[in-house]
Amino acid sequence: MSHRYYVVREDLLPEGILKTEMAKDLLRRGEASTVHEAAERVGLSRSAFYKYKDGVYPLDQTQPDRIVTLALDLEHRSGVLSRVLGALADGGGNVLTISQSIPLRGMANVVVSLDLSGSGAAPGVLLERLRALDGVRSAAIVGRG
C-alpha cells in the first residue's frame, strides 16, 4: 500500500496531531521518560498519541531513504567488521543498530541500521564501497525508512 504525503502549515493541523508531535519531542529530548508522562504533560490521551505517532514528523525530520538497513556476509577474520564500520563512518553514516551472528564456517552475518541524514551519500554508492572491501562477501540493502 502506498501512502500520499502532504505538507501542511502548522496552524491548520488538528490539535491531536500537534500535541502528538509535542509529546514525541519531549520523549526525544529526554524531558519525559514514558509515553504516559509525555502525553499527560501536553494534554493528550495516550490513545490519540498511539493513533498519530507513526504518521507525524516535523518536515526537517522526514528525509526519505535516509535510514537504511544493510545485510552483510563477512569473513570471520580480524579487522573485517572494523573496516566495514570505518567505511560506513567515512561515508557519513551513523550506525543506529548492529547485530552479528555467531560465525559459522568462517562467515558471519551482520545486519546494520544506518542513518544517512547527515551525509550526502547515496545508499547505492555506499553499498558498492562496502562490497569492494576485503572480507566482505556480500552486501545488500534490505530495508529503508
Protein backbone atom coordinates (compact mmCIF):
# COMPACT_ATOMS: atom_id res chain seq x y z
CA MET A 1 0.00 0.00 0.00
CA SER A 2 1.46 3.34 -0.95
CA HIS A 3 0.92 6.44 1.11
CA ARG A 4 0.47 10.01 -0.04
CA TYR A 5 2.19 12.76 1.91
CA TYR A 6 1.23 16.40 2.32
CA VAL A 7 2.99 19.46 3.63
CA VAL A 8 0.54 21.30 5.86
CA ARG A 9 1.09 24.57 7.68
CA GLU A 10 1.21 24.00 11.46
CA ASP A 11 -1.72 26.29 12.31
CA LEU A 12 -4.00 24.19 10.09
CA LEU A 13 -3.28 20.88 11.82
CA PRO A 14 -5.73 19.35 14.28
CA GLU A 15 -4.77 19.72 17.93
CA GLY A 16 -4.25 15.97 18.39
CA ILE A 17 -1.57 15.85 15.70
CA LEU A 18 0.24 18.90 17.08
CA LYS A 19 0.17 17.55 20.63
CA THR A 20 1.43 14.17 19.42
CA GLU A 21 4.50 15.81 17.93
CA MET A 22 4.98 17.85 21.11
CA ALA A 23 4.88 14.64 23.17
CA LYS A 24 7.31 12.91 20.80
CA ASP A 25 9.65 15.88 21.16
CA LEU A 26 9.56 15.59 24.97
CA LEU A 27 10.47 11.91 24.65
CA ARG A 28 13.30 12.60 22.14
CA ARG A 29 14.84 15.24 24.39
CA GLY A 30 14.52 13.07 27.49
CA GLU A 31 12.20 15.54 29.21
CA ALA A 32 9.62 12.77 29.61
CA SER A 33 10.53 9.17 30.26
CA THR A 34 7.28 7.48 29.27
CA VAL A 35 4.52 7.98 26.71
CA HIS A 36 2.07 8.37 29.59
CA GLU A 37 4.13 11.21 31.08
CA ALA A 38 4.68 12.97 27.73
CA ALA A 39 1.01 12.72 26.73
CA GLU A 40 -0.15 13.96 30.11
CA ARG A 41 2.23 16.96 30.00
CA VAL A 42 0.87 18.14 26.64
CA GLY A 43 -2.77 17.35 27.43
CA LEU A 44 -3.20 14.41 25.06
CA SER A 45 -4.72 10.98 25.57
CA ARG A 46 -2.41 8.01 25.11
CA SER A 47 -4.81 6.55 22.54
CA ALA A 48 -4.50 9.71 20.42
CA PHE A 49 -0.73 9.58 20.78
CA TYR A 50 -0.60 5.99 19.53
CA LYS A 51 -3.04 6.80 16.73
CA TYR A 52 -0.81 9.54 15.28
CA LYS A 53 2.73 8.76 16.48
CA ASP A 54 3.89 6.91 13.36
CA GLY A 55 2.45 9.41 10.93
CA VAL A 56 3.53 12.84 12.14
CA TYR A 57 7.04 14.28 11.88
CA PRO A 58 8.44 17.76 11.55
CA LEU A 59 9.49 18.45 7.96
CA ASP A 60 13.18 18.59 8.92
CA GLN A 61 12.98 15.01 10.22
CA THR A 62 11.46 13.50 7.10
CA GLN A 63 14.14 12.53 4.68
CA PRO A 64 13.06 9.56 2.57
CA ASP A 65 15.56 6.76 2.15
CA ARG A 66 17.96 8.24 4.70
CA ILE A 67 17.64 5.32 7.10
CA VAL A 68 18.67 2.04 5.53
CA THR A 69 19.14 -1.47 6.80
CA LEU A 70 22.05 -3.41 5.36
CA ALA A 71 22.69 -7.16 5.45
CA LEU A 72 26.31 -8.20 5.05
CA ASP A 73 28.11 -11.54 4.93
CA LEU A 74 31.58 -11.07 6.35
CA GLU A 75 34.56 -13.37 6.52
CA HIS A 76 35.45 -14.21 10.09
CA ARG A 77 38.84 -12.51 10.14
CA SER A 78 40.32 -9.86 12.37
CA GLY A 79 39.56 -6.31 11.22
CA VAL A 80 36.81 -7.02 8.68
CA LEU A 81 33.96 -5.61 10.78
CA SER A 82 36.17 -2.69 11.79
CA ARG A 83 36.80 -1.83 8.12
CA VAL A 84 33.08 -2.03 7.40
CA LEU A 85 32.24 0.33 10.26
CA GLY A 86 35.02 2.67 9.15
CA ALA A 87 33.64 2.75 5.61
CA LEU A 88 30.16 3.50 6.93
CA ALA A 89 31.51 6.37 9.05
CA ASP A 90 33.65 7.69 6.18
CA GLY A 91 30.52 7.70 4.01
CA GLY A 92 28.75 9.92 6.55
CA GLY A 93 26.63 7.16 8.04
CA ASN A 94 25.64 6.95 11.67
CA VAL A 95 25.09 3.39 12.93
CA LEU A 96 21.76 3.07 14.74
CA THR A 97 21.82 -0.68 15.42
CA ILE A 98 24.15 -3.55 14.66
CA SER A 99 23.62 -7.27 15.07
CA GLN A 100 26.11 -10.01 14.24
CA SER A 101 25.52 -13.74 14.16
CA ILE A 102 28.00 -16.19 15.61
CA PRO A 103 30.43 -17.01 12.80
CA LEU A 104 29.82 -20.40 11.18
CA ARG A 105 32.14 -21.94 8.62
CA GLY A 106 34.24 -18.79 8.59
CA MET A 107 31.35 -16.42 7.83
CA ALA A 108 29.23 -14.08 9.96
CA ASN A 109 26.02 -12.32 9.02
CA VAL A 110 25.81 -8.69 10.12
CA VAL A 111 22.72 -6.50 9.97
CA VAL A 112 23.25 -2.75 10.34
CA SER A 113 20.64 0.02 10.51
CA LEU A 114 22.22 3.22 9.32
CA ASP A 115 21.14 6.86 9.38
CA LEU A 116 22.43 8.74 6.33
CA SER A 117 20.68 12.04 7.19
CA GLY A 118 23.93 13.82 7.96
CA SER A 119 25.56 12.86 4.69
CA GLY A 120 25.06 13.37 1.02
CA ALA A 121 25.90 9.73 0.41
CA ALA A 122 23.61 7.72 -1.81
CA PRO A 123 22.87 4.32 -0.28
CA GLY A 124 23.83 2.57 -3.52
CA VAL A 125 27.26 4.22 -3.63
CA LEU A 126 27.93 3.28 -0.02
CA LEU A 127 26.87 -0.28 -0.80
CA GLU A 128 29.38 -0.50 -3.66
CA ARG A 129 32.16 0.74 -1.34
CA LEU A 130 31.28 -1.97 1.16
CA ARG A 131 31.26 -4.70 -1.50
CA ALA A 132 34.78 -3.66 -2.53
CA LEU A 133 36.20 -4.16 0.96
CA ASP A 134 38.43 -7.15 1.63
CA GLY A 135 36.47 -9.71 3.63
CA VAL A 136 33.00 -8.58 2.56
CA ARG A 137 31.40 -11.46 0.67
CA SER A 138 28.04 -9.79 0.09
CA ALA A 139 26.20 -6.61 0.97
CA ALA A 140 22.60 -5.68 0.27
CA ILE A 141 20.03 -3.09 1.27
CA VAL A 142 17.19 -4.98 2.92
CA GLY A 143 15.13 -2.09 4.24
CA ARG A 144 14.54 1.64 4.01
CA GLY A 145 12.84 4.18 6.21
